[in-house]
Protein backbone atom coordinates (compact mmCIF):
# COMPACT_ATOMS: atom_id res chain seq x y z
CA MET A 1 5.57 -0.35 34.73
CA PRO A 2 6.67 -1.30 31.22
CA ASP A 3 3.97 -2.27 28.70
CA LYS A 4 4.01 -6.09 28.54
CA ARG A 5 1.50 -6.41 25.72
CA PRO A 6 2.84 -8.53 22.85
CA ARG A 7 4.11 -6.60 19.87
CA PRO A 8 1.63 -6.70 16.96
CA PRO A 9 2.73 -8.87 14.05
CA THR A 10 4.55 -7.01 11.29
CA VAL A 11 3.33 -6.97 7.72
CA ARG A 12 6.10 -9.39 6.71
CA LEU A 13 5.22 -11.87 9.45
CA ARG A 14 1.55 -11.71 8.44
CA ARG A 15 2.42 -12.45 4.82
CA LEU A 16 4.69 -15.32 5.86
CA ALA A 17 1.88 -16.83 7.94
CA ALA A 18 -0.63 -16.49 5.10
CA GLU A 19 1.71 -18.13 2.59
CA LEU A 20 2.40 -21.04 4.94
CA ARG A 21 -1.35 -21.57 5.45
CA LYS A 22 -1.78 -21.55 1.69
CA LEU A 23 1.05 -24.03 1.09
CA ARG A 24 -0.31 -26.42 3.70
CA ALA A 25 -3.80 -26.24 2.20
CA GLU A 26 -2.42 -26.90 -1.29
CA SER A 27 -0.59 -29.92 0.12
CA GLY A 28 -3.84 -31.32 1.52
CA LEU A 29 -2.35 -31.63 5.01
CA THR A 30 -3.93 -30.94 8.38
CA ARG A 31 -1.94 -29.49 11.26
CA GLU A 32 -2.00 -32.94 12.82
CA ASP A 33 -0.42 -34.35 9.63
CA VAL A 34 2.33 -31.73 9.73
CA THR A 35 3.07 -32.47 13.38
CA ALA A 36 3.27 -36.21 12.67
CA ARG A 37 5.68 -35.73 9.77
CA THR A 38 7.91 -32.96 11.13
CA GLY A 39 7.64 -33.12 14.90
CA ILE A 40 6.63 -29.46 15.03
CA ASN A 41 4.28 -28.95 17.95
CA GLU A 42 0.70 -28.42 16.75
CA ALA A 43 0.18 -25.40 19.01
CA THR A 44 3.41 -23.87 17.68
CA LEU A 45 2.28 -24.46 14.11
CA TYR A 46 -1.05 -22.77 14.88
CA ARG A 47 0.76 -19.72 16.29
CA ILE A 48 3.04 -19.56 13.24
CA GLU A 49 0.11 -19.76 10.85
CA ARG A 50 -1.75 -17.04 12.75
CA SER A 51 1.31 -14.73 12.68
CA ARG A 52 1.54 -14.93 16.47
CA ALA A 53 5.02 -16.48 16.44
CA ARG A 54 8.08 -16.09 14.26
CA PRO A 55 9.26 -19.50 13.01
CA GLN A 56 12.88 -20.39 13.50
CA LYS A 57 14.75 -20.89 10.24
CA ARG A 58 15.07 -24.65 10.68
CA THR A 59 11.33 -24.91 11.40
CA LEU A 60 10.52 -22.93 8.26
CA VAL A 61 12.86 -25.05 6.15
CA SER A 62 11.18 -28.22 7.47
CA LEU A 63 7.78 -26.86 6.47
CA LEU A 64 8.98 -25.79 3.02
CA ASP A 65 10.49 -29.23 2.46
CA LEU A 66 7.26 -30.94 3.51
CA TYR A 67 5.16 -28.68 1.27
CA GLN A 68 7.60 -29.12 -1.63
CA ALA A 69 7.85 -25.38 -2.14
CA ASP A 70 9.56 -24.31 -5.36
CA ASP A 71 12.79 -22.32 -5.40
CA ARG A 72 11.11 -18.91 -5.81
CA ALA A 73 8.65 -19.50 -2.96
CA ARG A 74 11.44 -20.84 -0.76
CA ALA A 75 13.63 -17.80 -1.36
CA ASP A 76 10.75 -15.35 -0.82
CA LEU A 77 9.58 -16.96 2.41
CA LEU A 78 13.08 -17.29 3.85
CA ALA A 79 13.59 -13.60 3.12
CA LEU A 80 10.33 -12.79 4.90
CA GLN A 81 11.42 -14.84 7.90
CA SER A 82 14.77 -13.09 8.17
CA GLY A 83 13.15 -9.64 8.13
CA SER A 84 9.94 -10.51 9.93
CA ASN A 85 10.69 -8.24 12.91
CA ASP A 86 11.21 -5.16 10.72
CA GLN A 87 8.39 -2.69 10.14
CA GLY A 88 7.52 -1.62 6.60
CA TRP A 89 8.10 -3.63 3.47
CA LEU A 90 9.05 -2.73 -0.08
CA ARG A 91 8.23 -5.71 -2.22
CA PRO A 92 10.28 -5.38 -5.44
CA TYR A 93 8.42 -5.27 -8.73
CA HIS A 94 8.63 -8.44 -10.85
CA SER A 95 7.38 -7.82 -14.36
CA GLU A 96 7.10 -11.55 -15.10
CA LEU A 97 4.63 -12.20 -12.29
CA PRO A 98 0.90 -11.87 -12.98
CA GLU A 99 -1.02 -9.62 -10.64
CA GLU A 100 -2.64 -12.43 -8.65
CA TYR A 101 0.75 -13.15 -7.03
CA THR A 102 1.15 -9.74 -5.42
CA ALA A 103 1.03 -9.55 -1.65
CA TYR A 104 -1.44 -6.67 -1.80
CA ILE A 105 -4.25 -8.89 -3.07
CA GLY A 106 -3.81 -11.20 -0.09
CA PHE A 107 -4.21 -8.33 2.35
CA GLU A 108 -7.15 -6.92 0.41
CA ALA A 109 -8.95 -10.27 0.62
CA GLU A 110 -8.48 -10.34 4.41
CA ALA A 111 -9.41 -6.69 5.04
CA ARG A 112 -12.60 -5.44 6.66
CA THR A 113 -12.42 -1.92 5.20
CA VAL A 114 -10.48 -0.46 2.28
CA ARG A 115 -10.17 3.31 1.89
CA ASN A 116 -8.70 3.98 -1.54
CA TYR A 117 -7.71 7.31 -3.06
CA GLU A 118 -6.81 7.35 -6.76
CA SER A 119 -5.65 10.36 -8.73
CA LEU A 120 -5.59 8.92 -12.28
CA PHE A 121 -7.44 5.59 -12.30
CA VAL A 122 -10.78 4.21 -11.29
CA PRO A 123 -9.97 1.92 -8.30
CA GLY A 124 -9.26 -1.67 -9.31
CA LEU A 125 -12.16 -3.05 -7.27
CA ALA A 126 -14.55 -0.86 -9.27
CA GLN A 127 -13.15 -1.33 -12.78
CA THR A 128 -15.10 -2.91 -15.62
CA GLU A 129 -13.31 -5.52 -17.70
CA PRO A 130 -12.99 -3.27 -20.80
CA TYR A 131 -11.63 -0.42 -18.67
CA ALA A 132 -9.19 -2.74 -16.86
CA SER A 133 -7.96 -4.14 -20.18
CA ALA A 134 -7.37 -0.65 -21.58
CA VAL A 135 -5.52 0.38 -18.40
CA VAL A 136 -3.21 -2.64 -18.43
CA LYS A 137 -2.44 -2.20 -22.13
CA GLY A 138 -1.69 1.48 -21.63
CA VAL A 139 0.41 1.15 -18.48
CA LEU A 140 2.29 -1.94 -19.73
CA PRO A 141 2.68 -1.36 -23.49
CA MET A 142 5.21 -4.20 -23.81
CA ALA A 143 2.96 -6.81 -22.17
CA SER A 144 1.83 -9.75 -24.30
CA GLN A 145 -1.84 -10.50 -24.87
CA LYS A 146 -1.53 -13.41 -22.44
CA GLU A 147 -0.03 -11.18 -19.74
CA VAL A 148 -2.75 -8.58 -20.25
CA ALA A 149 -5.43 -11.27 -20.00
CA GLN A 150 -3.87 -12.67 -16.79
CA ARG A 151 -3.81 -9.29 -15.11
CA VAL A 152 -7.34 -8.39 -16.15
CA GLN A 153 -8.66 -11.76 -14.98
CA ALA A 154 -6.93 -11.29 -11.62
CA ARG A 155 -8.46 -7.84 -11.27
CA MET A 156 -11.93 -9.17 -12.00
CA GLU A 157 -11.49 -12.03 -9.52
CA ARG A 158 -10.42 -9.57 -6.82
CA GLN A 159 -13.83 -7.94 -7.01
CA ALA A 160 -15.41 -11.00 -5.37
CA VAL A 161 -14.61 -9.32 -2.03
CA LEU A 162 -17.50 -6.93 -2.75
CA THR A 163 -20.07 -9.70 -3.22
CA LYS A 164 -19.09 -12.26 -0.57
CA GLU A 165 -21.36 -12.99 2.43
CA ARG A 166 -19.65 -10.34 4.52
CA PRO A 167 -18.52 -7.92 1.83
CA LEU A 168 -15.56 -5.63 2.08
CA GLN A 169 -16.45 -2.07 3.07
CA LEU A 170 -15.06 0.09 0.26
CA TRP A 171 -14.73 3.86 0.47
CA ALA A 172 -13.18 5.16 -2.75
CA ILE A 173 -12.26 8.74 -3.59
CA VAL A 174 -10.96 9.76 -7.01
CA ASP A 175 -9.79 12.95 -8.59
CA GLU A 176 -12.08 14.05 -11.41
CA ALA A 177 -9.16 13.37 -13.76
CA ALA A 178 -9.78 9.65 -13.28
CA LEU A 179 -13.23 10.07 -14.83
CA ARG A 180 -12.34 12.59 -17.54
CA ARG A 181 -9.35 10.76 -19.01
CA THR A 182 -10.70 8.72 -21.91
CA VAL A 183 -9.40 5.22 -21.23
CA GLY A 184 -10.36 2.73 -23.95
CA GLY A 185 -12.71 5.14 -25.72
CA ARG A 186 -15.96 6.93 -24.96
CA ASP A 187 -18.06 3.75 -24.84
CA VAL A 188 -15.71 2.21 -22.28
CA MET A 189 -15.87 5.32 -20.10
CA ARG A 190 -19.65 5.49 -20.30
CA GLY A 191 -19.87 1.84 -19.30
CA GLN A 192 -17.41 2.44 -16.46
CA ALA A 193 -19.46 5.37 -15.16
CA ARG A 194 -22.66 3.29 -15.23
CA HIS A 195 -20.88 0.51 -13.34
CA LEU A 196 -19.78 2.95 -10.65
CA LEU A 197 -23.34 4.18 -10.29
CA ASP A 198 -24.50 0.58 -9.81
CA LEU A 199 -21.84 -0.01 -7.16
CA MET A 200 -22.84 3.14 -5.30
CA ALA A 201 -26.28 1.62 -4.77
CA GLU A 202 -24.68 -1.01 -2.52
CA PRO A 203 -24.64 -0.10 1.20
CA HIS A 204 -21.03 -1.20 1.62
CA VAL A 205 -19.66 1.03 -1.17
CA THR A 206 -19.09 4.80 -0.92
CA PHE A 207 -17.70 6.76 -3.85
CA GLN A 208 -16.66 10.42 -3.98
CA VAL A 209 -15.10 12.64 -6.61
CA ILE A 210 -12.80 15.62 -6.02
CA PRO A 211 -13.81 18.13 -8.73
CA PHE A 212 -11.31 20.09 -10.79
CA GLU A 213 -12.55 23.37 -9.32
CA GLN A 214 -11.37 22.27 -5.88
CA GLY A 215 -7.87 23.13 -7.02
CA ALA A 216 -4.84 21.79 -5.19
CA HIS A 217 -5.48 19.13 -2.57
CA ALA A 218 -3.61 16.65 -0.37
CA GLY A 219 -4.13 13.72 -2.75
CA MET A 220 -2.07 15.30 -5.52
CA THR A 221 1.03 13.70 -4.03
CA GLY A 222 -0.20 10.27 -5.14
CA SER A 223 -2.62 7.41 -4.68
CA PHE A 224 -2.78 5.20 -1.59
CA VAL A 225 -4.85 2.53 0.13
CA HIS A 226 -5.57 2.30 3.86
CA MET A 227 -6.80 -1.07 5.17
CA ASP A 228 -8.05 -2.33 8.50
CA PHE A 229 -8.87 -5.91 9.46
CA PRO A 230 -11.49 -7.89 11.42
CA ASP A 231 -8.94 -9.26 13.87
CA ALA A 232 -8.00 -6.57 16.38
CA ASP A 233 -4.54 -8.13 16.63
CA ASP A 234 -3.85 -7.36 12.95
CA PRO A 235 -2.66 -3.75 12.68
CA GLU A 236 -3.85 -1.37 9.99
CA LEU A 237 -1.80 -1.01 6.82
CA VAL A 238 -1.15 1.61 4.18
CA TYR A 239 -0.25 0.46 0.68
CA LEU A 240 1.53 2.50 -1.99
CA ASP A 241 2.02 1.25 -5.55
CA THR A 242 5.40 2.62 -6.64
CA PRO A 243 7.55 2.08 -9.76
CA ALA A 244 10.00 0.22 -7.52
CA GLY A 245 7.36 -2.17 -6.21
CA ASP A 246 4.67 -2.60 -3.55
CA LEU A 247 5.34 -0.51 -0.44
CA PHE A 248 3.56 -1.42 2.81
CA LEU A 249 3.62 1.03 5.72
CA GLU A 250 2.62 0.07 9.25
CA SER A 251 4.13 2.42 11.82
CA GLU A 252 1.60 4.31 13.95
CA ALA A 253 2.89 7.66 12.69
CA GLU A 254 2.50 6.62 9.04
CA ILE A 255 -0.99 5.23 9.64
CA ARG A 256 -2.07 8.45 11.37
CA ARG A 257 -0.71 10.56 8.53
CA TYR A 258 -2.58 8.70 5.81
CA LYS A 259 -5.79 8.45 7.85
CA SER A 260 -5.66 12.21 8.32
CA MET A 261 -5.04 12.68 4.60
CA PHE A 262 -8.03 10.53 3.69
CA GLU A 263 -10.25 12.47 6.09
CA HIS A 264 -9.13 15.69 4.40
CA LEU A 265 -9.96 14.24 0.98
CA GLN A 266 -13.40 13.18 2.22
CA ALA A 267 -14.02 16.77 3.27
CA VAL A 268 -12.97 18.42 -0.01
CA ALA A 269 -14.62 15.86 -2.31
CA LEU A 270 -18.19 16.09 -3.55
CA GLY A 271 -20.64 14.20 -1.41
CA PRO A 272 -21.89 10.81 -2.69
CA ASN A 273 -25.05 12.32 -4.23
CA ASP A 274 -23.19 15.07 -6.10
CA SER A 275 -20.56 12.54 -7.12
CA ALA A 276 -23.33 10.35 -8.54
CA ASP A 277 -24.64 13.34 -10.52
CA LEU A 278 -21.17 13.83 -12.02
CA LEU A 279 -20.98 10.13 -12.91
CA ALA A 280 -24.38 10.34 -14.54
CA MET A 281 -23.07 13.20 -16.72
CA VAL A 282 -20.10 11.06 -17.78
CA ALA A 283 -22.38 8.09 -18.48
CA ALA A 284 -24.64 10.24 -20.67
CA ALA A 285 -21.87 12.13 -22.48
CA LYS A 286 -22.10 12.14 -26.27
CA ASP A 287 -19.16 11.64 -28.62
């Protein structure tokens, strides 16, 4: 017999649902209010907002009109609706948008577990403000002071997921290069190393380092993030930050490949205790 289970929501449909929930909340409207003003069935609206149903275009337009969505939001959400059945999503890079508007942050805030491998940077959730500022200035040399400040503030605000009542489970692995590259100066790197040691004391944070002497390893092809979610109906995601924009992968084959890669990196990295010893060396390094 054919499998009659409903197809899991795609990453685009999940983002569309989240943005519609956000717009309704910003409008100060309940679902009952929306039903009264648009005629959209309340149960249908609930399913749309929980990414369990794809809204028809006319339904989406009615909601966007009611919420007084601006032109950019309207165009983005209509594009999500039209491609909401497609797996995978490359979200083009927009240099004028501050980091808090990226779709990745929305998924990160909803995730139960984040497994993050970084080859050149300390993971964003573990960055100190001076380190984050130096990274943004270095990666975006043409950014204004205001743009740098916006991005750093967004990065700091993201870290609230580690201190909320049910904190995000973070497992981060970095290449030793991320600790040895002097970002912002020696004092900044010493402070960053001490901050990582403090984070490692938390039961929901695991941090490992792949030492230089390990040689070639699977992570040398680039950084990635694997996320899973509390709701079993929300499939796992893999996120890649590319020069072209945010790339979200969701096919079972892609998820298996990156999960296997992360498991390999766990095996070749120093254990948490040895990683802490290496961090302590960085924190105590003299100029």
